[in-house]
Amino acid sequence: MEERSVTRAARRLGITQPALSNSLNRLRAMLRDPLFIRERYGIKPTQLAEEIAPTIEAALAQLDEVVVHQQDFDPAHAERQFLIAPNSYVELVLMPTLVARLGEQAPGITLRMTPFGNDLAETGVMSGATAMVLGRIVDPPDNLVVQHLMDDGLACVVRHDHPEVGDTLSRDLYESLKHVNVLPPGRIRAGLFQALEKQNLKRKVAVSVTHFLAVPEMIAVTDYCATLPLQICRGLQRDPRLKVLPAPVDLGTFPVELAWHVRYRQDPAHRWLRSTIIEAAQSLSTLNQS
């Protein structure tokens, strides 16, 4: 039901595809329904499968809770890998702090990161294959739990010896400059676009890139401007080639969130990692306010 594929479902279960097909055939005979119908790009659940799926999912979640409550978790000695999907902003801003904490508190815990993608379905979090996603969570389904981590604002970056920009950036000057625009996968880009539209602030976009890391090198060798999250600007302030300035108008803030499948709600290791991520985000928020 979650994978829409017998092959992927078998891989998650750790069995062969023929073994899963045999089990599916027995279910079909018992329930007197095809359950899943082949389509060009996978399988589609029947009406009966759609009707019984929530009950079965709830029952499996209860079994998961019974099992995980019997497990002890000691972060200092645990060995486990988590697959997580941070967007490009979180990967740059929050992941270094998190990895440092894991190295100190849980050296046996490892992370494997997968791209956030264009929507939640691509990350694997909706099926539980990915442990959690971090970024801006838009329209989450009912089987995801969403936790607010922090808020961040926006500022502007130009090269240090920009011939037109002094210690402030006026609205007219902002609109006259050419801009480097960041278009990472996911919904984070909507926040800046909406903030600019709300303030009726115009930009002349000269180049669009897919990652924040590409911006400072472009700004350092051009007369362009970039509008970036404050947490990223904090790091760029250490670059002598660049100058960080407040935006000419208040562009507001955008949320950073954490989401995970309901089946991990009571998993001790997962709960510990979530709390560690929350603490790391809180430390960044405190640093940004000081």
C-alpha atoms as a PDB file:
ATOM      1  CA  MET A   1       0.000   0.000   0.000  1.00  0.00           C
ATOM      2  CA  GLU A   2       2.805   2.441   0.882  1.00  0.00           C
ATOM      3  CA  GLU A   3       5.326   1.489  -1.785  1.00  0.00           C
ATOM      4  CA  ARG A   4       2.887   0.862  -4.665  1.00  0.00           C
ATOM      5  CA  SER A   5       5.398  -1.728  -5.835  1.00  0.00           C
ATOM      6  CA  VAL A   6       5.846  -5.416  -5.008  1.00  0.00           C
ATOM      7  CA  THR A   7       9.578  -5.161  -5.672  1.00  0.00           C
ATOM      8  CA  ARG A   8      10.137  -2.222  -3.316  1.00  0.00           C
ATOM      9  CA  ALA A   9       7.859  -3.722  -0.677  1.00  0.00           C
ATOM     10  CA  ALA A  10       9.795  -7.002  -0.772  1.00  0.00           C
ATOM     11  CA  ARG A  11      13.070  -5.095  -0.400  1.00  0.00           C
ATOM     12  CA  ARG A  12      11.751  -3.313   2.710  1.00  0.00           C
ATOM     13  CA  LEU A  13      10.563  -6.597   4.197  1.00  0.00           C
ATOM     14  CA  GLY A  14      13.870  -8.327   3.492  1.00  0.00           C
ATOM     15  CA  ILE A  15      12.298 -11.110   1.434  1.00  0.00           C
ATOM     16  CA  THR A  16      12.286 -12.050  -2.247  1.00  0.00           C
ATOM     17  CA  GLN A  17       9.714 -10.744  -4.661  1.00  0.00           C
ATOM     18  CA  PRO A  18       8.294 -14.259  -5.358  1.00  0.00           C
ATOM     19  CA  ALA A  19       7.864 -14.844  -1.613  1.00  0.00           C
ATOM     20  CA  LEU A  20       5.915 -11.596  -1.267  1.00  0.00           C
ATOM     21  CA  SER A  21       3.832 -12.412  -4.347  1.00  0.00           C
ATOM     22  CA  ASN A  22       2.910 -15.770  -2.794  1.00  0.00           C
ATOM     23  CA  SER A  23       1.857 -14.036   0.426  1.00  0.00           C
ATOM     24  CA  LEU A  24      -0.190 -11.536  -1.548  1.00  0.00           C
ATOM     25  CA  ASN A  25      -1.915 -14.353  -3.424  1.00  0.00           C
ATOM     26  CA  ARG A  26      -2.892 -15.992  -0.129  1.00  0.00           C
ATOM     27  CA  LEU A  27      -4.328 -12.670   1.081  1.00  0.00           C
ATOM     28  CA  ARG A  28      -6.291 -12.326  -2.156  1.00  0.00           C
ATOM     29  CA  ALA A  29      -7.778 -15.773  -1.718  1.00  0.00           C
ATOM     30  CA  MET A  30      -8.622 -15.189   1.935  1.00  0.00           C
ATOM     31  CA  LEU A  31     -10.225 -11.775   1.366  1.00  0.00           C
ATOM     32  CA  ARG A  32     -11.708 -12.684  -2.041  1.00  0.00           C
ATOM     33  CA  ASP A  33     -10.414  -9.493  -3.618  1.00  0.00           C
ATOM     34  CA  PRO A  34      -7.480  -8.669  -5.941  1.00  0.00           C
ATOM     35  CA  LEU A  35      -6.304  -6.029  -3.397  1.00  0.00           C
ATOM     36  CA  PHE A  36      -3.812  -4.550  -5.875  1.00  0.00           C
ATOM     37  CA  ILE A  37      -4.091  -4.166  -9.632  1.00  0.00           C
ATOM     38  CA  ARG A  38      -1.100  -3.819 -11.920  1.00  0.00           C
ATOM     39  CA  GLU A  39      -0.626  -0.508 -13.687  1.00  0.00           C
ATOM     40  CA  ARG A  40       2.041   0.810 -16.018  1.00  0.00           C
ATOM     41  CA  TYR A  41       4.157   2.287 -13.219  1.00  0.00           C
ATOM     42  CA  GLY A  42       3.332   0.005 -10.298  1.00  0.00           C
ATOM     43  CA  ILE A  43       0.216  -1.265  -8.577  1.00  0.00           C
ATOM     44  CA  LYS A  44      -3.013   0.419  -7.551  1.00  0.00           C
ATOM     45  CA  PRO A  45      -5.013  -0.610  -4.458  1.00  0.00           C
ATOM     46  CA  THR A  46      -8.603  -1.724  -4.902  1.00  0.00           C
ATOM     47  CA  GLN A  47     -11.465  -0.133  -3.024  1.00  0.00           C
ATOM     48  CA  LEU A  48     -11.355  -2.902  -0.397  1.00  0.00           C
ATOM     49  CA  ALA A  49      -7.620  -2.385   0.115  1.00  0.00           C
ATOM     50  CA  GLU A  50      -8.206   1.350   0.591  1.00  0.00           C
ATOM     51  CA  GLU A  51     -10.952   0.644   3.144  1.00  0.00           C
ATOM     52  CA  ILE A  52      -9.021  -1.822   5.315  1.00  0.00           C
ATOM     53  CA  ALA A  53      -5.597  -0.100   5.119  1.00  0.00           C
ATOM     54  CA  PRO A  54      -6.185   2.383   8.004  1.00  0.00           C
ATOM     55  CA  THR A  55      -7.255  -0.413  10.376  1.00  0.00           C
ATOM     56  CA  ILE A  56      -4.258  -2.558   9.473  1.00  0.00           C
ATOM     57  CA  GLU A  57      -1.879   0.405   9.751  1.00  0.00           C
ATOM     58  CA  ALA A  58      -3.215   1.236  13.220  1.00  0.00           C
ATOM     59  CA  ALA A  59      -2.832  -2.388  14.341  1.00  0.00           C
ATOM     60  CA  LEU A  60       0.753  -2.544  13.083  1.00  0.00           C
ATOM     61  CA  ALA A  61       1.536   0.740  14.836  1.00  0.00           C
ATOM     62  CA  GLN A  62       0.280  -0.746  18.116  1.00  0.00           C
ATOM     63  CA  LEU A  63       2.481  -3.801  17.622  1.00  0.00           C
ATOM     64  CA  ASP A  64       5.452  -1.531  16.924  1.00  0.00           C
ATOM     65  CA  GLU A  65       4.853   0.296  20.207  1.00  0.00           C
ATOM     66  CA  VAL A  66       4.700  -2.989  22.135  1.00  0.00           C
ATOM     67  CA  VAL A  67       8.044  -4.057  20.657  1.00  0.00           C
ATOM     68  CA  VAL A  68       9.922  -0.783  21.041  1.00  0.00           C
ATOM     69  CA  HIS A  69       8.783  -0.352  24.659  1.00  0.00           C
ATOM     70  CA  GLN A  70      10.729  -3.525  25.440  1.00  0.00           C
ATOM     71  CA  GLN A  71      13.913  -2.124  23.946  1.00  0.00           C
ATOM     72  CA  ASP A  72      16.476  -0.125  25.871  1.00  0.00           C
ATOM     73  CA  PHE A  73      18.393   2.610  24.107  1.00  0.00           C
ATOM     74  CA  ASP A  74      21.811   3.768  25.230  1.00  0.00           C
ATOM     75  CA  PRO A  75      23.091   6.431  22.800  1.00  0.00           C
ATOM     76  CA  ALA A  76      26.686   6.048  23.971  1.00  0.00           C
ATOM     77  CA  HIS A  77      26.783   2.383  22.894  1.00  0.00           C
ATOM     78  CA  ALA A  78      24.050   2.121  20.250  1.00  0.00           C
ATOM     79  CA  GLU A  79      24.903   1.293  16.655  1.00  0.00           C
ATOM     80  CA  ARG A  80      22.305   2.348  14.113  1.00  0.00           C
ATOM     81  CA  GLN A  81      22.033   4.218  10.854  1.00  0.00           C
ATOM     82  CA  PHE A  82      19.278   6.743  10.153  1.00  0.00           C
ATOM     83  CA  LEU A  83      18.194   7.775   6.684  1.00  0.00           C
ATOM     84  CA  ILE A  84      17.085  11.408   6.828  1.00  0.00           C
ATOM     85  CA  ALA A  85      16.066  13.975   4.214  1.00  0.00           C
ATOM     86  CA  PRO A  86      17.124  17.560   5.018  1.00  0.00           C
ATOM     87  CA  ASN A  87      16.542  20.292   2.475  1.00  0.00           C
ATOM     88  CA  SER A  88      19.618  22.192   1.291  1.00  0.00           C
ATOM     89  CA  TYR A  89      19.154  24.930   3.901  1.00  0.00           C
ATOM     90  CA  VAL A  90      19.009  22.459   6.811  1.00  0.00           C
ATOM     91  CA  GLU A  91      21.915  20.442   5.420  1.00  0.00           C
ATOM     92  CA  LEU A  92      24.089  23.555   5.422  1.00  0.00           C
ATOM     93  CA  VAL A  93      22.876  25.232   8.620  1.00  0.00           C
ATOM     94  CA  LEU A  94      21.814  22.514  11.058  1.00  0.00           C
ATOM     95  CA  MET A  95      23.528  19.275  10.045  1.00  0.00           C
ATOM     96  CA  PRO A  96      27.088  20.275  11.116  1.00  0.00           C
ATOM     97  CA  THR A  97      25.840  21.034  14.651  1.00  0.00           C
ATOM     98  CA  LEU A  98      23.894  17.767  14.768  1.00  0.00           C
ATOM     99  CA  VAL A  99      26.808  15.668  13.491  1.00  0.00           C
ATOM    100  CA  ALA A 100      29.114  17.220  16.085  1.00  0.00           C
ATOM    101  CA  ARG A 101      26.663  16.296  18.869  1.00  0.00           C
ATOM    102  CA  LEU A 102      26.351  12.748  17.579  1.00  0.00           C
ATOM    103  CA  GLY A 103      30.127  12.402  17.555  1.00  0.00           C
ATOM    104  CA  GLU A 104      30.239  13.391  21.231  1.00  0.00           C
ATOM    105  CA  GLN A 105      27.153  11.605  22.550  1.00  0.00           C
ATOM    106  CA  ALA A 106      26.489   8.691  20.184  1.00  0.00           C
ATOM    107  CA  PRO A 107      29.524   7.750  18.083  1.00  0.00           C
ATOM    108  CA  GLY A 108      27.817   4.578  16.858  1.00  0.00           C
ATOM    109  CA  ILE A 109      24.883   6.474  15.348  1.00  0.00           C
ATOM    110  CA  THR A 110      25.440   7.286  11.677  1.00  0.00           C
ATOM    111  CA  LEU A 111      23.401   9.373   9.257  1.00  0.00           C
ATOM    112  CA  ARG A 112      22.758   8.868   5.573  1.00  0.00           C
ATOM    113  CA  MET A 113      21.180  11.855   3.868  1.00  0.00           C
ATOM    114  CA  THR A 114      18.878  11.697   0.892  1.00  0.00           C
ATOM    115  CA  PRO A 115      17.633  14.696  -1.112  1.00  0.00           C
ATOM    116  CA  PHE A 116      14.530  16.435   0.178  1.00  0.00           C
ATOM    117  CA  GLY A 117      13.079  16.376  -3.341  1.00  0.00           C
ATOM    118  CA  ASN A 118      10.181  18.323  -4.752  1.00  0.00           C
ATOM    119  CA  ASP A 119       7.561  16.843  -2.424  1.00  0.00           C
ATOM    120  CA  LEU A 120       7.217  14.618   0.633  1.00  0.00           C
ATOM    121  CA  ALA A 121       6.373  11.508  -1.382  1.00  0.00           C
ATOM    122  CA  GLU A 122       9.815  11.581  -3.011  1.00  0.00           C
ATOM    123  CA  THR A 123      11.642  11.627   0.319  1.00  0.00           C
ATOM    124  CA  GLY A 124      10.284   8.237   1.482  1.00  0.00           C
ATOM    125  CA  VAL A 125       9.033   9.624   4.789  1.00  0.00           C
ATOM    126  CA  MET A 126       5.380   8.962   3.942  1.00  0.00           C
ATOM    127  CA  SER A 127       6.096   5.227   3.772  1.00  0.00           C
ATOM    128  CA  GLY A 128       8.482   5.242   6.727  1.00  0.00           C
ATOM    129  CA  ALA A 129      11.470   4.220   4.579  1.00  0.00           C
ATOM    130  CA  THR A 130      13.106   7.537   5.497  1.00  0.00           C
ATOM    131  CA  ALA A 131      13.279   8.214   9.215  1.00  0.00           C
ATOM    132  CA  MET A 132      12.533  11.925   9.031  1.00  0.00           C
ATOM    133  CA  VAL A 133      12.533  15.014   6.836  1.00  0.00           C
ATOM    134  CA  LEU A 134      13.752  18.473   7.825  1.00  0.00           C
ATOM    135  CA  GLY A 135      12.763  21.699   6.139  1.00  0.00           C
ATOM    136  CA  ARG A 136       9.519  23.384   5.317  1.00  0.00           C
ATOM    137  CA  ILE A 137       6.701  20.847   5.570  1.00  0.00           C
ATOM    138  CA  VAL A 138       3.714  21.804   3.420  1.00  0.00           C
ATOM    139  CA  ASP A 139       0.383  19.935   3.523  1.00  0.00           C
ATOM    140  CA  PRO A 140       1.604  16.849   5.447  1.00  0.00           C
ATOM    141  CA  PRO A 141      -0.577  13.705   5.304  1.00  0.00           C
ATOM    142  CA  ASP A 142      -2.249  12.329   8.425  1.00  0.00           C
ATOM    143  CA  ASN A 143       0.421   9.672   8.973  1.00  0.00           C
ATOM    144  CA  LEU A 144       3.169  12.270   9.554  1.00  0.00           C
ATOM    145  CA  VAL A 145       3.931  14.034  12.823  1.00  0.00           C
ATOM    146  CA  VAL A 146       5.291  17.567  12.368  1.00  0.00           C
ATOM    147  CA  GLN A 147       7.451  19.382  14.950  1.00  0.00           C
ATOM    148  CA  HIS A 148       8.400  23.048  14.667  1.00  0.00           C
ATOM    149  CA  LEU A 149      12.170  23.500  15.081  1.00  0.00           C
ATOM    150  CA  MET A 150      12.967  27.170  14.567  1.00  0.00           C
ATOM    151  CA  ASP A 151      12.275  30.284  12.507  1.00  0.00           C
ATOM    152  CA  ASP A 152      14.752  32.155  10.378  1.00  0.00           C
ATOM    153  CA  GLY A 153      14.724  35.512   8.655  1.00  0.00           C
ATOM    154  CA  LEU A 154      16.329  36.941   5.524  1.00  0.00           C
ATOM    155  CA  ALA A 155      19.210  39.328   4.792  1.00  0.00           C
ATOM    156  CA  CYS A 156      21.190  40.484   1.787  1.00  0.00           C
ATOM    157  CA  VAL A 157      24.752  39.759   0.680  1.00  0.00           C
ATOM    158  CA  VAL A 158      26.948  41.767  -1.717  1.00  0.00           C
ATOM    159  CA  ARG A 159      30.686  41.845  -2.320  1.00  0.00           C
ATOM    160  CA  HIS A 160      32.636  43.840   0.259  1.00  0.00           C
ATOM    161  CA  ASP A 161      33.880  46.502  -2.178  1.00  0.00           C
ATOM    162  CA  HIS A 162      30.657  46.831  -4.139  1.00  0.00           C
ATOM    163  CA  PRO A 163      30.846  50.207  -5.969  1.00  0.00           C
ATOM    164  CA  GLU A 164      27.196  51.139  -5.319  1.00  0.00           C
ATOM    165  CA  VAL A 165      26.425  49.641  -1.903  1.00  0.00           C
ATOM    166  CA  GLY A 166      27.564  51.232   1.346  1.00  0.00           C
ATOM    167  CA  ASP A 167      26.435  50.328   4.861  1.00  0.00           C
ATOM    168  CA  THR A 168      22.747  50.148   3.978  1.00  0.00           C
ATOM    169  CA  LEU A 169      20.659  48.898   1.098  1.00  0.00           C
ATOM    170  CA  SER A 170      17.726  51.049   0.055  1.00  0.00           C
ATOM    171  CA  ARG A 171      14.643  49.729  -1.689  1.00  0.00           C
ATOM    172  CA  ASP A 172      15.489  51.560  -4.927  1.00  0.00           C
ATOM    173  CA  LEU A 173      19.051  50.251  -4.936  1.00  0.00           C
ATOM    174  CA  TYR A 174      17.888  46.700  -4.175  1.00  0.00           C
ATOM    175  CA  GLU A 175      15.527  46.787  -7.136  1.00  0.00           C
ATOM    176  CA  SER A 176      18.162  48.269  -9.459  1.00  0.00           C
ATOM    177  CA  LEU A 177      20.773  45.574  -8.727  1.00  0.00           C
ATOM    178  CA  LYS A 178      21.008  42.228 -10.447  1.00  0.00           C
ATOM    179  CA  HIS A 179      20.408  39.225  -8.188  1.00  0.00           C
ATOM    180  CA  VAL A 180      21.555  35.657  -7.648  1.00  0.00           C
ATOM    181  CA  ASN A 181      18.515  33.519  -6.929  1.00  0.00           C
ATOM    182  CA  VAL A 182      18.526  30.165  -5.108  1.00  0.00           C
ATOM    183  CA  LEU A 183      16.117  27.517  -6.348  1.00  0.00           C
ATOM    184  CA  PRO A 184      16.695  24.455  -4.168  1.00  0.00           C
ATOM    185  CA  PRO A 185      14.349  21.459  -4.406  1.00  0.00           C
ATOM    186  CA  GLY A 186      11.310  21.579  -2.167  1.00  0.00           C
ATOM    187  CA  ARG A 187       9.078  24.378  -0.931  1.00  0.00           C
ATOM    188  CA  ILE A 188      11.598  26.675   0.811  1.00  0.00           C
ATOM    189  CA  ARG A 189      11.793  28.913  -2.262  1.00  0.00           C
ATOM    190  CA  ALA A 190       8.109  29.758  -1.894  1.00  0.00           C
ATOM    191  CA  GLY A 191       8.837  31.652   1.338  1.00  0.00           C
ATOM    192  CA  LEU A 192      11.135  34.247  -0.254  1.00  0.00           C
ATOM    193  CA  PHE A 193       8.981  34.640  -3.337  1.00  0.00           C
ATOM    194  CA  GLN A 194       5.907  35.229  -1.204  1.00  0.00           C
ATOM    195  CA  ALA A 195       7.753  37.682   1.071  1.00  0.00           C
ATOM    196  CA  LEU A 196       8.937  39.727  -1.909  1.00  0.00           C
ATOM    197  CA  GLU A 197       5.474  39.721  -3.434  1.00  0.00           C
ATOM    198  CA  LYS A 198       3.887  40.772  -0.145  1.00  0.00           C
ATOM    199  CA  GLN A 199       6.204  43.793   0.090  1.00  0.00           C
ATOM    200  CA  ASN A 200       5.929  44.467  -3.649  1.00  0.00           C
ATOM    201  CA  LEU A 201       9.725  44.265  -3.812  1.00  0.00           C
ATOM    202  CA  LYS A 202      11.120  43.561  -7.279  1.00  0.00           C
ATOM    203  CA  ARG A 203      14.269  41.662  -8.256  1.00  0.00           C
ATOM    204  CA  LYS A 204      16.210  41.465 -11.508  1.00  0.00           C
ATOM    205  CA  VAL A 205      17.399  37.860 -11.412  1.00  0.00           C
ATOM    206  CA  ALA A 206      20.621  37.433 -13.376  1.00  0.00           C
ATOM    207  CA  VAL A 207      21.312  33.803 -12.451  1.00  0.00           C
ATOM    208  CA  SER A 208      19.508  31.037 -10.556  1.00  0.00           C
ATOM    209  CA  VAL A 209      21.429  28.303  -8.757  1.00  0.00           C
ATOM    210  CA  THR A 210      20.318  25.098  -7.040  1.00  0.00           C
ATOM    211  CA  HIS A 211      22.318  25.316  -3.807  1.00  0.00           C
ATOM    212  CA  PHE A 212      23.271  28.004  -1.310  1.00  0.00           C
ATOM    213  CA  LEU A 213      26.945  27.016  -1.527  1.00  0.00           C
ATOM    214  CA  ALA A 214      27.131  28.399  -5.066  1.00  0.00           C
ATOM    215  CA  VAL A 215      26.111  31.908  -4.008  1.00  0.00           C
ATOM    216  CA  PRO A 216      29.171  33.353  -2.205  1.00  0.00           C
ATOM    217  CA  GLU A 217      31.557  32.583  -5.063  1.00  0.00           C
ATOM    218  CA  MET A 218      29.265  34.338  -7.540  1.00  0.00           C
ATOM    219  CA  ILE A 219      28.691  37.344  -5.291  1.00  0.00           C
ATOM    220  CA  ALA A 220      32.437  37.721  -4.624  1.00  0.00           C
ATOM    221  CA  VAL A 221      33.248  38.262  -8.333  1.00  0.00           C
ATOM    222  CA  THR A 222      30.201  40.277  -9.469  1.00  0.00           C
ATOM    223  CA  ASP A 223      28.157  43.312  -8.521  1.00  0.00           C
ATOM    224  CA  TYR A 224      25.154  41.074  -7.879  1.00  0.00           C
ATOM    225  CA  CYS A 225      23.113  40.795  -4.695  1.00  0.00           C
ATOM    226  CA  ALA A 226      21.617  37.725  -2.999  1.00  0.00           C
ATOM    227  CA  THR A 227      18.819  37.465  -0.451  1.00  0.00           C
ATOM    228  CA  LEU A 228      19.571  34.566   1.907  1.00  0.00           C
ATOM    229  CA  PRO A 229      18.462  33.127   5.265  1.00  0.00           C
ATOM    230  CA  LEU A 230      20.032  34.846   8.279  1.00  0.00           C
ATOM    231  CA  GLN A 231      21.631  31.638   9.541  1.00  0.00           C
ATOM    232  CA  ILE A 232      23.518  31.300   6.247  1.00  0.00           C
ATOM    233  CA  CYS A 233      24.446  34.977   6.298  1.00  0.00           C
ATOM    234  CA  ARG A 234      25.991  34.517   9.747  1.00  0.00           C
ATOM    235  CA  GLY A 235      28.509  32.141   8.213  1.00  0.00           C
ATOM    236  CA  LEU A 236      29.162  34.419   5.251  1.00  0.00           C
ATOM    237  CA  GLN A 237      30.064  37.295   7.578  1.00  0.00           C
ATOM    238  CA  ARG A 238      33.397  35.561   8.177  1.00  0.00           C
ATOM    239  CA  ASP A 239      34.246  35.834   4.466  1.00  0.00           C
ATOM    240  CA  PRO A 240      36.237  39.090   3.976  1.00  0.00           C
ATOM    241  CA  ARG A 241      35.113  39.248   0.349  1.00  0.00           C
ATOM    242  CA  LEU A 242      31.453  39.662   1.327  1.00  0.00           C
ATOM    243  CA  LYS A 243      29.234  42.129   3.164  1.00  0.00           C
ATOM    244  CA  VAL A 244      25.945  41.228   4.870  1.00  0.00           C
ATOM    245  CA  LEU A 245      23.258  43.898   5.112  1.00  0.00           C
ATOM    246  CA  PRO A 246      19.670  44.018   6.352  1.00  0.00           C
ATOM    247  CA  ALA A 247      17.023  43.711   3.664  1.00  0.00           C
ATOM    248  CA  PRO A 248      15.567  47.081   2.605  1.00  0.00           C
ATOM    249  CA  VAL A 249      12.141  46.023   3.978  1.00  0.00           C
ATOM    250  CA  ASP A 250      10.983  43.534   6.572  1.00  0.00           C
ATOM    251  CA  LEU A 251      10.713  40.197   4.742  1.00  0.00           C
ATOM    252  CA  GLY A 252       9.438  38.307   7.782  1.00  0.00           C
ATOM    253  CA  THR A 253      10.499  34.785   8.753  1.00  0.00           C
ATOM    254  CA  PHE A 254      10.081  31.246   7.487  1.00  0.00           C
ATOM    255  CA  PRO A 255       9.644  28.062   9.577  1.00  0.00           C
ATOM    256  CA  VAL A 256      12.000  25.102   9.773  1.00  0.00           C
ATOM    257  CA  GLU A 257      10.236  21.866  10.700  1.00  0.00           C
ATOM    258  CA  LEU A 258      10.864  18.208  11.410  1.00  0.00           C
ATOM    259  CA  ALA A 259       8.449  15.459  10.292  1.00  0.00           C
ATOM    260  CA  TRP A 260       8.363  11.687  10.769  1.00  0.00           C
ATOM    261  CA  HIS A 261       6.036   8.736  10.246  1.00  0.00           C
ATOM    262  CA  VAL A 262       3.679   7.938  13.131  1.00  0.00           C
ATOM    263  CA  ARG A 263       5.181   4.464  13.451  1.00  0.00           C
ATOM    264  CA  TYR A 264       8.344   6.018  14.892  1.00  0.00           C
ATOM    265  CA  ARG A 265       6.482   7.958  17.564  1.00  0.00           C
ATOM    266  CA  GLN A 266       7.589   5.660  20.420  1.00  0.00           C
ATOM    267  CA  ASP A 267      10.840   4.279  18.961  1.00  0.00           C
ATOM    268  CA  PRO A 268      13.463   5.057  21.673  1.00  0.00           C
ATOM    269  CA  ALA A 269      16.340   5.663  19.251  1.00  0.00           C
ATOM    270  CA  HIS A 270      14.192   7.789  16.982  1.00  0.00           C
ATOM    271  CA  ARG A 271      12.879   9.792  19.939  1.00  0.00           C
ATOM    272  CA  TRP A 272      16.434  10.419  21.140  1.00  0.00           C
ATOM    273  CA  LEU A 273      17.547  11.599  17.691  1.00  0.00           C
ATOM    274  CA  ARG A 274      14.525  13.898  17.416  1.00  0.00           C
ATOM    275  CA  SER A 275      15.282  15.470  20.789  1.00  0.00           C
ATOM    276  CA  THR A 276      18.925  15.947  19.778  1.00  0.00           C
ATOM    277  CA  ILE A 277      17.856  17.672  16.563  1.00  0.00           C
ATOM    278  CA  ILE A 278      15.482  19.932  18.505  1.00  0.00           C
ATOM    279  CA  GLU A 279      18.263  20.863  20.937  1.00  0.00           C
ATOM    280  CA  ALA A 280      20.641  21.610  18.055  1.00  0.00           C
ATOM    281  CA  ALA A 281      18.047  23.866  16.417  1.00  0.00           C
ATOM    282  CA  GLN A 282      17.380  25.665  19.706  1.00  0.00           C
ATOM    283  CA  SER A 283      21.087  26.320  20.130  1.00  0.00           C
ATOM    284  CA  LEU A 284      21.223  27.936  16.698  1.00  0.00           C
ATOM    285  CA  SER A 285      18.179  30.077  17.455  1.00  0.00           C
ATOM    286  CA  THR A 286      19.752  31.253  20.707  1.00  0.00           C
ATOM    287  CA  LEU A 287      23.017  32.062  18.962  1.00  0.00           C
ATOM    288  CA  ASN A 288      21.188  34.014  16.283  1.00  0.00           C
ATOM    289  CA  GLN A 289      19.353  36.115  18.897  1.00  0.00           C
ATOM    290  CA  SER A 290      22.473  36.955  20.916  1.00  0.00           C
END
